[in-house]
């Protein structure tokens, strides 16, 4: 059963202006593994923007937004061995997912020069 669906579109320039120059903000929004992944890419801002869009889409699918102590870096967007993006949650986000009995989290991300987008589907 689908618990929620979320979608988000992100302006790559916004991430480039804010996240790439502010390491404190970067650490607030992304995990060390995500930062390492994005920093290794030629088009860093696109990869950061796609992950940020996925986190926004996750909160939309969850249906509660940034409440009850949940924060962005408790959602991690990782690539599996085949390159497929996957969601890993921790902290209060994980607690909320368990409370809602979410068993499956699907994410798809895409990015171009100027925009990144993501869709998340949460299932019980």
PDB file of N, CA and C in Angstrom:
ATOM      1  N   UNK A   1       0.839  -1.171   0.000  1.00  0.00           N
ATOM      2  CA  UNK A   1       0.000   0.000   0.000  1.00  0.00           C
ATOM      3  C   UNK A   1       0.893   1.246   0.000  1.00  0.00           C
ATOM      4  N   UNK A   2       0.550   2.207  -0.832  1.00  0.00           N
ATOM      5  CA  UNK A   2       1.325   3.450  -0.910  1.00  0.00           C
ATOM      6  C   UNK A   2       0.934   4.377   0.247  1.00  0.00           C
ATOM      7  N   UNK A   3       1.928   4.784   0.997  1.00  0.00           N
ATOM      8  CA  UNK A   3       1.749   5.724   2.111  1.00  0.00           C
ATOM      9  C   UNK A   3       1.771   7.159   1.581  1.00  0.00           C
ATOM     10  N   UNK A   4       2.683   7.418   0.626  1.00  0.00           N
ATOM     11  CA  UNK A   4       2.791   8.766   0.084  1.00  0.00           C
ATOM     12  C   UNK A   4       3.697   8.827  -1.124  1.00  0.00           C
ATOM     13  N   UNK A   5       3.481   9.869  -1.915  1.00  0.00           N
ATOM     14  CA  UNK A   5       4.306  10.150  -3.089  1.00  0.00           C
ATOM     15  C   UNK A   5       4.746  11.607  -2.985  1.00  0.00           C
ATOM     16  N   UNK A   6       6.009  11.853  -3.259  1.00  0.00           N
ATOM     17  CA  UNK A   6       6.526  13.217  -3.249  1.00  0.00           C
ATOM     18  C   UNK A   6       7.377  13.462  -4.471  1.00  0.00           C
ATOM     19  N   UNK A   7       7.344  14.682  -4.947  1.00  0.00           N
ATOM     20  CA  UNK A   7       8.157  15.078  -6.098  1.00  0.00           C
ATOM     21  C   UNK A   7       8.734  16.456  -5.828  1.00  0.00           C
ATOM     22  N   UNK A   8       9.939  16.710  -6.351  1.00  0.00           N
ATOM     23  CA  UNK A   8      10.543  18.018  -6.164  1.00  0.00           C
ATOM     24  C   UNK A   8      11.424  18.357  -7.354  1.00  0.00           C
ATOM     25  N   UNK A   9      11.478  19.632  -7.678  1.00  0.00           N
ATOM     26  CA  UNK A   9      12.316  20.169  -8.748  1.00  0.00           C
ATOM     27  C   UNK A   9      13.236  21.206  -8.120  1.00  0.00           C
ATOM     28  N   UNK A  10      14.513  21.115  -8.428  1.00  0.00           N
ATOM     29  CA  UNK A  10      15.499  21.996  -7.801  1.00  0.00           C
ATOM     30  C   UNK A  10      16.305  22.743  -8.854  1.00  0.00           C
ATOM     31  N   UNK A  11      16.530  24.019  -8.611  1.00  0.00           N
ATOM     32  CA  UNK A  11      17.362  24.851  -9.468  1.00  0.00           C
ATOM     33  C   UNK A  11      18.831  24.601  -9.096  1.00  0.00           C
ATOM     34  N   UNK A  12      19.605  24.072 -10.020  1.00  0.00           N
ATOM     35  CA  UNK A  12      21.005  23.744  -9.752  1.00  0.00           C
ATOM     36  C   UNK A  12      21.795  24.988  -9.343  1.00  0.00           C
ATOM     37  N   UNK A  13      21.502  26.131  -9.942  1.00  0.00           N
ATOM     38  CA  UNK A  13      22.224  27.365  -9.607  1.00  0.00           C
ATOM     39  C   UNK A  13      22.052  27.737  -8.134  1.00  0.00           C
ATOM     40  N   UNK A  14      20.883  27.478  -7.583  1.00  0.00           N
ATOM     41  CA  UNK A  14      20.635  27.789  -6.164  1.00  0.00           C
ATOM     42  C   UNK A  14      21.554  26.960  -5.267  1.00  0.00           C
ATOM     43  N   UNK A  15      21.695  25.689  -5.581  1.00  0.00           N
ATOM     44  CA  UNK A  15      22.598  24.827  -4.813  1.00  0.00           C
ATOM     45  C   UNK A  15      24.041  25.291  -5.000  1.00  0.00           C
ATOM     46  N   UNK A  16      24.394  25.612  -6.218  1.00  0.00           N
ATOM     47  CA  UNK A  16      25.759  26.046  -6.508  1.00  0.00           C
ATOM     48  C   UNK A  16      26.110  27.298  -5.712  1.00  0.00           C
ATOM     49  N   UNK A  17      25.177  28.237  -5.624  1.00  0.00           N
ATOM     50  CA  UNK A  17      25.413  29.486  -4.906  1.00  0.00           C
ATOM     51  C   UNK A  17      25.490  29.288  -3.399  1.00  0.00           C
ATOM     52  N   UNK A  18      24.703  28.361  -2.864  1.00  0.00           N
ATOM     53  CA  UNK A  18      24.605  28.226  -1.415  1.00  0.00           C
ATOM     54  C   UNK A  18      25.452  27.094  -0.848  1.00  0.00           C
ATOM     55  N   UNK A  19      25.283  25.912  -1.362  1.00  0.00           N
ATOM     56  CA  UNK A  19      25.895  24.734  -0.753  1.00  0.00           C
ATOM     57  C   UNK A  19      27.379  24.609  -1.073  1.00  0.00           C
ATOM     58  N   UNK A  20      27.764  24.906  -2.285  1.00  0.00           N
ATOM     59  CA  UNK A  20      29.163  24.705  -2.654  1.00  0.00           C
ATOM     60  C   UNK A  20      30.106  25.691  -1.976  1.00  0.00           C
ATOM     61  N   UNK A  21      29.577  26.791  -1.440  1.00  0.00           N
ATOM     62  CA  UNK A  21      30.449  27.765  -0.784  1.00  0.00           C
ATOM     63  C   UNK A  21      30.309  27.773   0.740  1.00  0.00           C
ATOM     64  N   UNK A  22      29.340  27.042   1.265  1.00  0.00           N
ATOM     65  CA  UNK A  22      29.079  27.051   2.704  1.00  0.00           C
ATOM     66  C   UNK A  22      29.167  25.617   3.246  1.00  0.00           C
ATOM     67  N   UNK A  23      30.322  25.264   3.787  1.00  0.00           N
ATOM     68  CA  UNK A  23      30.528  23.907   4.277  1.00  0.00           C
ATOM     69  C   UNK A  23      29.633  23.560   5.458  1.00  0.00           C
ATOM     70  N   UNK A  24      29.262  24.562   6.270  1.00  0.00           N
ATOM     71  CA  UNK A  24      28.355  24.294   7.387  1.00  0.00           C
ATOM     72  C   UNK A  24      26.972  23.904   6.870  1.00  0.00           C
ATOM     73  N   UNK A  25      26.487  24.624   5.868  1.00  0.00           N
ATOM     74  CA  UNK A  25      25.206  24.289   5.268  1.00  0.00           C
ATOM     75  C   UNK A  25      25.279  22.921   4.597  1.00  0.00           C
ATOM     76  N   UNK A  26      26.371  22.665   3.921  1.00  0.00           N
ATOM     77  CA  UNK A  26      26.567  21.375   3.247  1.00  0.00           C
ATOM     78  C   UNK A  26      26.444  20.227   4.257  1.00  0.00           C
ATOM     79  N   UNK A  27      27.091  20.373   5.397  1.00  0.00           N
ATOM     80  CA  UNK A  27      27.059  19.331   6.429  1.00  0.00           C
ATOM     81  C   UNK A  27      25.683  19.214   7.081  1.00  0.00           C
ATOM     82  N   UNK A  28      24.924  20.295   7.080  1.00  0.00           N
ATOM     83  CA  UNK A  28      23.565  20.261   7.628  1.00  0.00           C
ATOM     84  C   UNK A  28      22.615  19.513   6.705  1.00  0.00           C
ATOM     85  N   UNK A  29      22.842  19.611   5.413  1.00  0.00           N
ATOM     86  CA  UNK A  29      21.930  19.018   4.432  1.00  0.00           C
ATOM     87  C   UNK A  29      22.327  17.615   3.984  1.00  0.00           C
ATOM     88  N   UNK A  30      23.629  17.323   3.998  1.00  0.00           N
ATOM     89  CA  UNK A  30      24.112  16.076   3.409  1.00  0.00           C
ATOM     90  C   UNK A  30      24.984  15.291   4.379  1.00  0.00           C
ATOM     91  N   UNK A  31      25.000  13.978   4.187  1.00  0.00           N
ATOM     92  CA  UNK A  31      25.853  13.115   5.007  1.00  0.00           C
ATOM     93  C   UNK A  31      27.277  13.133   4.456  1.00  0.00           C
ATOM     94  N   UNK A  32      28.249  12.714   5.251  1.00  0.00           N
ATOM     95  CA  UNK A  32      29.627  12.655   4.737  1.00  0.00           C
ATOM     96  C   UNK A  32      29.758  11.778   3.489  1.00  0.00           C
ATOM     97  N   UNK A  33      29.014  10.689   3.416  1.00  0.00           N
ATOM     98  CA  UNK A  33      29.069   9.812   2.242  1.00  0.00           C
ATOM     99  C   UNK A  33      28.511  10.513   1.012  1.00  0.00           C
ATOM    100  N   UNK A  34      27.422  11.259   1.177  1.00  0.00           N
ATOM    101  CA  UNK A  34      26.861  12.012   0.057  1.00  0.00           C
ATOM    102  C   UNK A  34      27.835  13.102  -0.404  1.00  0.00           C
ATOM    103  N   UNK A  35      28.439  13.787   0.539  1.00  0.00           N
ATOM    104  CA  UNK A  35      29.401  14.837   0.198  1.00  0.00           C
ATOM    105  C   UNK A  35      30.572  14.244  -0.577  1.00  0.00           C
ATOM    106  N   UNK A  36      31.084  13.129  -0.105  1.00  0.00           N
ATOM    107  CA  UNK A  36      32.190  12.461  -0.797  1.00  0.00           C
ATOM    108  C   UNK A  36      31.787  12.082  -2.225  1.00  0.00           C
ATOM    109  N   UNK A  37      30.582  11.546  -2.387  1.00  0.00           N
ATOM    110  CA  UNK A  37      30.085  11.161  -3.711  1.00  0.00           C
ATOM    111  C   UNK A  37      29.996  12.378  -4.631  1.00  0.00           C
ATOM    112  N   UNK A  38      29.362  13.440  -4.158  1.00  0.00           N
ATOM    113  CA  UNK A  38      29.152  14.627  -4.988  1.00  0.00           C
ATOM    114  C   UNK A  38      30.457  15.335  -5.317  1.00  0.00           C
ATOM    115  N   UNK A  39      31.356  15.424  -4.343  1.00  0.00           N
ATOM    116  CA  UNK A  39      32.628  16.115  -4.557  1.00  0.00           C
ATOM    117  C   UNK A  39      33.495  15.397  -5.588  1.00  0.00           C
ATOM    118  N   UNK A  40      33.286  14.092  -5.761  1.00  0.00           N
ATOM    119  CA  UNK A  40      34.068  13.310  -6.722  1.00  0.00           C
ATOM    120  C   UNK A  40      33.564  13.471  -8.155  1.00  0.00           C
ATOM    121  N   UNK A  41      32.419  14.131  -8.328  1.00  0.00           N
ATOM    122  CA  UNK A  41      31.806  14.274  -9.646  1.00  0.00           C
ATOM    123  C   UNK A  41      32.248  15.565 -10.327  1.00  0.00           C
ATOM    124  N   UNK A  42      32.237  15.551 -11.658  1.00  0.00           N
ATOM    125  CA  UNK A  42      32.598  16.740 -12.435  1.00  0.00           C
ATOM    126  C   UNK A  42      31.559  17.845 -12.226  1.00  0.00           C
ATOM    127  N   UNK A  43      30.293  17.501 -12.245  1.00  0.00           N
ATOM    128  CA  UNK A  43      29.202  18.472 -12.108  1.00  0.00           C
ATOM    129  C   UNK A  43      28.627  18.378 -10.692  1.00  0.00           C
ATOM    130  N   UNK A  44      29.390  18.797  -9.710  1.00  0.00           N
ATOM    131  CA  UNK A  44      29.029  18.650  -8.304  1.00  0.00           C
ATOM    132  C   UNK A  44      27.658  19.227  -7.969  1.00  0.00           C
ATOM    133  N   UNK A  45      27.374  20.428  -8.433  1.00  0.00           N
ATOM    134  CA  UNK A  45      26.116  21.086  -8.084  1.00  0.00           C
ATOM    135  C   UNK A  45      24.910  20.283  -8.548  1.00  0.00           C
ATOM    136  N   UNK A  46      25.001  19.653  -9.687  1.00  0.00           N
ATOM    137  CA  UNK A  46      23.888  18.832 -10.182  1.00  0.00           C
ATOM    138  C   UNK A  46      23.636  17.645  -9.259  1.00  0.00           C
ATOM    139  N   UNK A  47      24.688  17.019  -8.785  1.00  0.00           N
ATOM    140  CA  UNK A  47      24.544  15.862  -7.900  1.00  0.00           C
ATOM    141  C   UNK A  47      24.004  16.275  -6.531  1.00  0.00           C
ATOM    142  N   UNK A  48      24.484  17.395  -6.016  1.00  0.00           N
ATOM    143  CA  UNK A  48      23.927  17.909  -4.759  1.00  0.00           C
ATOM    144  C   UNK A  48      22.453  18.269  -4.937  1.00  0.00           C
ATOM    145  N   UNK A  49      22.117  18.936  -6.033  1.00  0.00           N
ATOM    146  CA  UNK A  49      20.735  19.357  -6.271  1.00  0.00           C
ATOM    147  C   UNK A  49      19.799  18.161  -6.379  1.00  0.00           C
ATOM    148  N   UNK A  50      20.239  17.109  -7.035  1.00  0.00           N
ATOM    149  CA  UNK A  50      19.406  15.909  -7.169  1.00  0.00           C
ATOM    150  C   UNK A  50      19.152  15.269  -5.807  1.00  0.00           C
ATOM    151  N   UNK A  51      20.156  15.220  -4.973  1.00  0.00           N
ATOM    152  CA  UNK A  51      19.984  14.635  -3.642  1.00  0.00           C
ATOM    153  C   UNK A  51      19.112  15.524  -2.754  1.00  0.00           C
ATOM    154  N   UNK A  52      19.284  16.823  -2.875  1.00  0.00           N
ATOM    155  CA  UNK A  52      18.431  17.736  -2.120  1.00  0.00           C
ATOM    156  C   UNK A  52      16.969  17.579  -2.565  1.00  0.00           C
ATOM    157  N   UNK A  53      16.735  17.493  -3.867  1.00  0.00           N
ATOM    158  CA  UNK A  53      15.377  17.299  -4.384  1.00  0.00           C
ATOM    159  C   UNK A  53      14.786  15.992  -3.860  1.00  0.00           C
ATOM    160  N   UNK A  54      15.602  14.955  -3.775  1.00  0.00           N
ATOM    161  CA  UNK A  54      15.123  13.663  -3.260  1.00  0.00           C
ATOM    162  C   UNK A  54      14.722  13.779  -1.791  1.00  0.00           C
ATOM    163  N   UNK A  55      15.478  14.530  -1.017  1.00  0.00           N
ATOM    164  CA  UNK A  55      15.140  14.707   0.396  1.00  0.00           C
ATOM    165  C   UNK A  55      13.842  15.504   0.551  1.00  0.00           C
ATOM    166  N   UNK A  56      13.690  16.556  -0.246  1.00  0.00           N
ATOM    167  CA  UNK A  56      12.437  17.330  -0.236  1.00  0.00           C
ATOM    168  C   UNK A  56      11.263  16.424  -0.638  1.00  0.00           C
ATOM    169  N   UNK A  57      11.456  15.625  -1.678  1.00  0.00           N
ATOM    170  CA  UNK A  57      10.404  14.718  -2.139  1.00  0.00           C
ATOM    171  C   UNK A  57      10.069  13.691  -1.057  1.00  0.00           C
ATOM    172  N   UNK A  58      11.083  13.244  -0.325  1.00  0.00           N
ATOM    173  CA  UNK A  58      10.848  12.296   0.765  1.00  0.00           C
ATOM    174  C   UNK A  58       9.951  12.915   1.835  1.00  0.00           C
ATOM    175  N   UNK A  59      10.275  14.134   2.256  1.00  0.00           N
ATOM    176  CA  UNK A  59       9.455  14.792   3.280  1.00  0.00           C
ATOM    177  C   UNK A  59       8.025  15.016   2.784  1.00  0.00           C
ATOM    178  N   UNK A  60       7.868  15.341   1.513  1.00  0.00           N
ATOM    179  CA  UNK A  60       6.518  15.495   0.947  1.00  0.00           C
ATOM    180  C   UNK A  60       5.770  14.167   0.974  1.00  0.00           C
ATOM    181  N   UNK A  61       6.445  13.096   0.597  1.00  0.00           N
ATOM    182  CA  UNK A  61       5.811  11.770   0.611  1.00  0.00           C
ATOM    183  C   UNK A  61       5.460  11.351   2.028  1.00  0.00           C
ATOM    184  N   UNK A  62       6.303  11.716   2.974  1.00  0.00           N
ATOM    185  CA  UNK A  62       6.058  11.384   4.373  1.00  0.00           C
ATOM    186  C   UNK A  62       4.821  12.111   4.896  1.00  0.00           C
ATOM    187  N   UNK A  63       4.575  13.301   4.344  1.00  0.00           N
ATOM    188  CA  UNK A  63       3.366  14.038   4.684  1.00  0.00           C
ATOM    189  C   UNK A  63       3.424  14.844   5.961  1.00  0.00           C
ATOM    190  N   UNK A  64       4.616  14.999   6.523  1.00  0.00           N
ATOM    191  CA  UNK A  64       4.725  15.744   7.776  1.00  0.00           C
ATOM    192  C   UNK A  64       5.688  16.920   7.686  1.00  0.00           C
ATOM    193  N   UNK A  65       6.459  16.998   6.619  1.00  0.00           N
ATOM    194  CA  UNK A  65       7.418  18.082   6.487  1.00  0.00           C
ATOM    195  C   UNK A  65       8.528  17.979   7.511  1.00  0.00           C
ATOM    196  N   UNK A  66       9.214  19.083   7.716  1.00  0.00           N
ATOM    197  CA  UNK A  66      10.321  19.128   8.688  1.00  0.00           C
ATOM    198  C   UNK A  66       9.774  19.428  10.072  1.00  0.00           C
ATOM    199  N   UNK A  67       9.288  18.405  10.706  1.00  0.00           N
ATOM    200  CA  UNK A  67       8.723  18.559  12.046  1.00  0.00           C
ATOM    201  C   UNK A  67       9.311  17.523  12.972  1.00  0.00           C
ATOM    202  N   UNK A  68       9.037  17.679  14.220  1.00  0.00           N
ATOM    203  CA  UNK A  68       9.382  16.691  15.238  1.00  0.00           C
ATOM    204  C   UNK A  68      10.866  16.340  15.239  1.00  0.00           C
ATOM    205  N   UNK A  69      11.709  17.333  14.954  1.00  0.00           N
ATOM    206  CA  UNK A  69      13.143  17.141  15.045  1.00  0.00           C
ATOM    207  C   UNK A  69      13.800  16.481  13.847  1.00  0.00           C
ATOM    208  N   UNK A  70      13.042  16.218  12.787  1.00  0.00           N
ATOM    209  CA  UNK A  70      13.639  15.597  11.607  1.00  0.00           C
ATOM    210  C   UNK A  70      14.489  16.621  10.859  1.00  0.00           C
ATOM    211  N   UNK A  71      15.612  16.165  10.316  1.00  0.00           N
ATOM    212  CA  UNK A  71      16.519  17.036   9.578  1.00  0.00           C
ATOM    213  C   UNK A  71      16.971  16.369   8.282  1.00  0.00           C
ATOM    214  N   UNK A  72      17.463  17.178   7.361  1.00  0.00           N
ATOM    215  CA  UNK A  72      17.835  16.696   6.030  1.00  0.00           C
ATOM    216  C   UNK A  72      18.923  15.627   6.052  1.00  0.00           C
ATOM    217  N   UNK A  73      19.933  15.794   6.905  1.00  0.00           N
ATOM    218  CA  UNK A  73      21.031  14.832   6.851  1.00  0.00           C
ATOM    219  C   UNK A  73      20.705  13.504   7.545  1.00  0.00           C
ATOM    220  N   UNK A  74      19.446  13.324   7.964  1.00  0.00           N
ATOM    221  CA  UNK A  74      18.984  12.011   8.422  1.00  0.00           C
ATOM    222  C   UNK A  74      18.399  11.194   7.266  1.00  0.00           C
ATOM    223  N   UNK A  75      18.402  11.777   6.084  1.00  0.00           N
ATOM    224  CA  UNK A  75      18.008  11.089   4.860  1.00  0.00           C
ATOM    225  C   UNK A  75      19.239  11.045   3.982  1.00  0.00           C
ATOM    226  N   UNK A  76      19.616   9.855   3.584  1.00  0.00           N
ATOM    227  CA  UNK A  76      20.813   9.693   2.766  1.00  0.00           C
ATOM    228  C   UNK A  76      20.421   9.051   1.440  1.00  0.00           C
ATOM    229  N   UNK A  77      20.880   9.650   0.356  1.00  0.00           N
ATOM    230  CA  UNK A  77      20.632   9.111  -0.979  1.00  0.00           C
ATOM    231  C   UNK A  77      21.933   8.502  -1.472  1.00  0.00           C
ATOM    232  N   UNK A  78      21.944   7.182  -1.549  1.00  0.00           N
ATOM    233  CA  UNK A  78      23.132   6.433  -1.958  1.00  0.00           C
ATOM    234  C   UNK A  78      22.849   5.685  -3.247  1.00  0.00           C
ATOM    235  N   UNK A  79      23.887   5.349  -3.968  1.00  0.00           N
ATOM    236  CA  UNK A  79      23.740   4.529  -5.165  1.00  0.00           C
ATOM    237  C   UNK A  79      24.132   3.094  -4.827  1.00  0.00           C
ATOM    238  N   UNK A  80      23.288   2.135  -5.262  1.00  0.00           N
ATOM    239  CA  UNK A  80      23.645   0.737  -5.026  1.00  0.00           C
ATOM    240  C   UNK A  80      24.728   0.317  -6.021  1.00  0.00           C
ATOM    241  N   UNK A  81      25.109  -0.950  -6.002  1.00  0.00           N
ATOM    242  CA  UNK A  81      26.202  -1.422  -6.849  1.00  0.00           C
ATOM    243  C   UNK A  81      25.925  -1.263  -8.345  1.00  0.00           C
ATOM    244  N   UNK A  82      24.657  -1.132  -8.721  1.00  0.00           N
ATOM    245  CA  UNK A  82      24.282  -0.927 -10.123  1.00  0.00           C
ATOM    246  C   UNK A  82      24.067   0.557 -10.449  1.00  0.00           C
ATOM    247  N   UNK A  83      24.207   1.424  -9.453  1.00  0.00           N
ATOM    248  CA  UNK A  83      24.037   2.854  -9.653  1.00  0.00           C
ATOM    249  C   UNK A  83      22.641   3.378  -9.354  1.00  0.00           C
ATOM    250  N   UNK A  84      21.719   2.480  -8.991  1.00  0.00           N
ATOM    251  CA  UNK A  84      20.345   2.887  -8.671  1.00  0.00           C
ATOM    252  C   UNK A  84      20.336   3.635  -7.342  1.00  0.00           C
ATOM    253  N   UNK A  85      19.704   4.809  -7.298  1.00  0.00           N
ATOM    254  CA  UNK A  85      19.643   5.532  -6.024  1.00  0.00           C
ATOM    255  C   UNK A  85      18.733   4.829  -5.022  1.00  0.00           C
ATOM    256  N   UNK A  86      19.147   4.858  -3.779  1.00  0.00           N
ATOM    257  CA  UNK A  86      18.383   4.264  -2.689  1.00  0.00           C
ATOM    258  C   UNK A  86      18.360   5.229  -1.515  1.00  0.00           C
ATOM    259  N   UNK A  87      17.331   5.104  -0.697  1.00  0.00           N
ATOM    260  CA  UNK A  87      17.170   5.958   0.481  1.00  0.00           C
ATOM    261  C   UNK A  87      17.546   5.180   1.732  1.00  0.00           C
ATOM    262  N   UNK A  88      18.366   5.795   2.565  1.00  0.00           N
ATOM    263  CA  UNK A  88      18.697   5.254   3.881  1.00  0.00           C
ATOM    264  C   UNK A  88      18.337   6.339   4.886  1.00  0.00           C
ATOM    265  N   UNK A  89      17.559   5.985   5.908  1.00  0.00           N
ATOM    266  CA  UNK A  89      17.149   6.969   6.908  1.00  0.00           C
ATOM    267  C   UNK A  89      17.746   6.633   8.268  1.00  0.00           C
ATOM    268  N   UNK A  90      17.886   7.652   9.093  1.00  0.00           N
ATOM    269  CA  UNK A  90      18.413   7.480  10.442  1.00  0.00           C
ATOM    270  C   UNK A  90      17.715   8.456  11.380  1.00  0.00           C
ATOM    271  N   UNK A  91      18.027   8.356  12.649  1.00  0.00           N
ATOM    272  CA  UNK A  91      17.536   9.303  13.640  1.00  0.00           C
ATOM    273  C   UNK A  91      16.022   9.414  13.698  1.00  0.00           C
ATOM    274  N   UNK A  92      15.543  10.641  13.861  1.00  0.00           N
ATOM    275  CA  UNK A  92      14.102  10.860  14.009  1.00  0.00           C
ATOM    276  C   UNK A  92      13.342  10.565  12.720  1.00  0.00           C
ATOM    277  N   UNK A  93      14.004  10.687  11.571  1.00  0.00           N
ATOM    278  CA  UNK A  93      13.352  10.330  10.308  1.00  0.00           C
ATOM    279  C   UNK A  93      13.078   8.825  10.292  1.00  0.00           C
ATOM    280  N   UNK A  94      14.032   8.046  10.727  1.00  0.00           N
ATOM    281  CA  UNK A  94      13.850   6.584  10.799  1.00  0.00           C
ATOM    282  C   UNK A  94      12.733   6.234  11.775  1.00  0.00           C
ATOM    283  N   UNK A  95      12.703   6.920  12.910  1.00  0.00           N
ATOM    284  CA  UNK A  95      11.641   6.681  13.895  1.00  0.00           C
ATOM    285  C   UNK A  95      10.260   6.962  13.301  1.00  0.00           C
ATOM    286  N   UNK A  96      10.140   8.056  12.541  1.00  0.00           N
ATOM    287  CA  UNK A  96       8.864   8.391  11.913  1.00  0.00           C
ATOM    288  C   UNK A  96       8.497   7.347  10.857  1.00  0.00           C
ATOM    289  N   UNK A  97       9.468   6.916  10.072  1.00  0.00           N
ATOM    290  CA  UNK A  97       9.214   5.891   9.055  1.00  0.00           C
ATOM    291  C   UNK A  97       8.739   4.592   9.706  1.00  0.00           C
ATOM    292  N   UNK A  98       9.337   4.240  10.826  1.00  0.00           N
ATOM    293  CA  UNK A  98       8.913   3.033  11.549  1.00  0.00           C
ATOM    294  C   UNK A  98       7.516   3.216  12.132  1.00  0.00           C
ATOM    295  N   UNK A  99       7.235   4.396  12.661  1.00  0.00           N
ATOM    296  CA  UNK A  99       5.906   4.697  13.220  1.00  0.00           C
ATOM    297  C   UNK A  99       4.824   4.566  12.147  1.00  0.00           C
ATOM    298  N   UNK A 100       5.138   4.997  10.929  1.00  0.00           N
ATOM    299  CA  UNK A 100       4.189   4.913   9.819  1.00  0.00           C
ATOM    300  C   UNK A 100       4.224   3.547   9.122  1.00  0.00           C
ATOM    301  N   UNK A 101       5.089   2.663   9.645  1.00  0.00           N
ATOM    302  CA  UNK A 101       5.235   1.289   9.131  1.00  0.00           C
ATOM    303  C   UNK A 101       5.646   1.258   7.659  1.00  0.00           C
ATOM    304  N   UNK A 102       6.557   2.147   7.297  1.00  0.00           N
ATOM    305  CA  UNK A 102       7.070   2.182   5.925  1.00  0.00           C
ATOM    306  C   UNK A 102       8.060   1.033   5.749  1.00  0.00           C
ATOM    307  N   UNK A 103       7.792   0.214   4.770  1.00  0.00           N
ATOM    308  CA  UNK A 103       8.613  -0.973   4.511  1.00  0.00           C
ATOM    309  C   UNK A 103       9.467  -0.826   3.252  1.00  0.00           C
ATOM    310  N   UNK A 104       9.048   0.031   2.334  1.00  0.00           N
ATOM    311  CA  UNK A 104       9.744   0.162   1.056  1.00  0.00           C
ATOM    312  C   UNK A 104       9.809   1.642   0.670  1.00  0.00           C
ATOM    313  N   UNK A 105      10.998   2.082   0.279  1.00  0.00           N
ATOM    314  CA  UNK A 105      11.192   3.470  -0.135  1.00  0.00           C
ATOM    315  C   UNK A 105      11.824   3.468  -1.521  1.00  0.00           C
ATOM    316  N   UNK A 106      11.116   4.019  -2.483  1.00  0.00           N
ATOM    317  CA  UNK A 106      11.619   4.097  -3.848  1.00  0.00           C
ATOM    318  C   UNK A 106      11.963   5.550  -4.172  1.00  0.00           C
ATOM    319  N   UNK A 107      13.068   5.749  -4.871  1.00  0.00           N
ATOM    320  CA  UNK A 107      13.467   7.086  -5.283  1.00  0.00           C
ATOM    321  C   UNK A 107      14.034   7.034  -6.698  1.00  0.00           C
ATOM    322  N   UNK A 108      13.704   8.043  -7.459  1.00  0.00           N
ATOM    323  CA  UNK A 108      14.294   8.223  -8.776  1.00  0.00           C
ATOM    324  C   UNK A 108      14.731   9.676  -8.873  1.00  0.00           C
ATOM    325  N   UNK A 109      15.967   9.884  -9.337  1.00  0.00           N
ATOM    326  CA  UNK A 109      16.499  11.234  -9.471  1.00  0.00           C
ATOM    327  C   UNK A 109      17.004  11.452 -10.894  1.00  0.00           C
ATOM    328  N   UNK A 110      17.004  12.708 -11.296  1.00  0.00           N
ATOM    329  CA  UNK A 110      17.520  13.069 -12.614  1.00  0.00           C
ATOM    330  C   UNK A 110      18.046  14.495 -12.537  1.00  0.00           C
ATOM    331  N   UNK A 111      19.051  14.783 -13.352  1.00  0.00           N
ATOM    332  CA  UNK A 111      19.564  16.147 -13.376  1.00  0.00           C
ATOM    333  C   UNK A 111      20.114  16.499 -14.744  1.00  0.00           C
ATOM    334  N   UNK A 112      19.965  17.778 -15.046  1.00  0.00           N
ATOM    335  CA  UNK A 112      20.502  18.379 -16.256  1.00  0.00           C
ATOM    336  C   UNK A 112      21.349  19.572 -15.832  1.00  0.00           C
ATOM    337  N   UNK A 113      21.766  20.362 -16.783  1.00  0.00           N
ATOM    338  CA  UNK A 113      22.606  21.511 -16.478  1.00  0.00           C
ATOM    339  C   UNK A 113      21.973  22.455 -15.465  1.00  0.00           C
ATOM    340  N   UNK A 114      20.683  22.770 -15.641  1.00  0.00           N
ATOM    341  CA  UNK A 114      20.042  23.790 -14.821  1.00  0.00           C
ATOM    342  C   UNK A 114      19.088  23.272 -13.753  1.00  0.00           C
ATOM    343  N   UNK A 115      18.612  22.035 -13.891  1.00  0.00           N
ATOM    344  CA  UNK A 115      17.586  21.527 -12.977  1.00  0.00           C
ATOM    345  C   UNK A 115      17.869  20.094 -12.553  1.00  0.00           C
ATOM    346  N   UNK A 116      17.392  19.784 -11.361  1.00  0.00           N
ATOM    347  CA  UNK A 116      17.423  18.416 -10.853  1.00  0.00           C
ATOM    348  C   UNK A 116      16.047  18.108 -10.320  1.00  0.00           C
ATOM    349  N   UNK A 117      15.629  16.861 -10.455  1.00  0.00           N
ATOM    350  CA  UNK A 117      14.315  16.491  -9.934  1.00  0.00           C
ATOM    351  C   UNK A 117      14.400  15.112  -9.285  1.00  0.00           C
ATOM    352  N   UNK A 118      13.400  14.851  -8.463  1.00  0.00           N
ATOM    353  CA  UNK A 118      13.321  13.564  -7.786  1.00  0.00           C
ATOM    354  C   UNK A 118      11.879  13.242  -7.475  1.00  0.00           C
ATOM    355  N   UNK A 119      11.597  11.945  -7.444  1.00  0.00           N
ATOM    356  CA  UNK A 119      10.299  11.456  -7.000  1.00  0.00           C
ATOM    357  C   UNK A 119      10.546  10.350  -5.990  1.00  0.00           C
ATOM    358  N   UNK A 120       9.736  10.332  -4.950  1.00  0.00           N
ATOM    359  CA  UNK A 120       9.843   9.330  -3.896  1.00  0.00           C
ATOM    360  C   UNK A 120       8.479   8.698  -3.687  1.00  0.00           C
ATOM    361  N   UNK A 121       8.467   7.385  -3.555  1.00  0.00           N
ATOM    362  CA  UNK A 121       7.255   6.639  -3.237  1.00  0.00           C
ATOM    363  C   UNK A 121       7.541   5.841  -1.967  1.00  0.00           C
ATOM    364  N   UNK A 122       6.687   6.018  -0.965  1.00  0.00           N
ATOM    365  CA  UNK A 122       6.820   5.297   0.301  1.00  0.00           C
ATOM    366  C   UNK A 122       5.670   4.299   0.398  1.00  0.00           C
ATOM    367  N   UNK A 123       6.031   3.050   0.748  1.00  0.00           N
ATOM    368  CA  UNK A 123       5.044   1.973   0.811  1.00  0.00           C
ATOM    369  C   UNK A 123       5.062   1.281   2.160  1.00  0.00           C
ATOM    370  N   UNK A 124       3.879   0.826   2.572  1.00  0.00           N
ATOM    371  CA  UNK A 124       3.763   0.045   3.806  1.00  0.00           C
ATOM    372  C   UNK A 124       3.787  -1.430   3.445  1.00  0.00           C
TER     373      UNK A 124
END
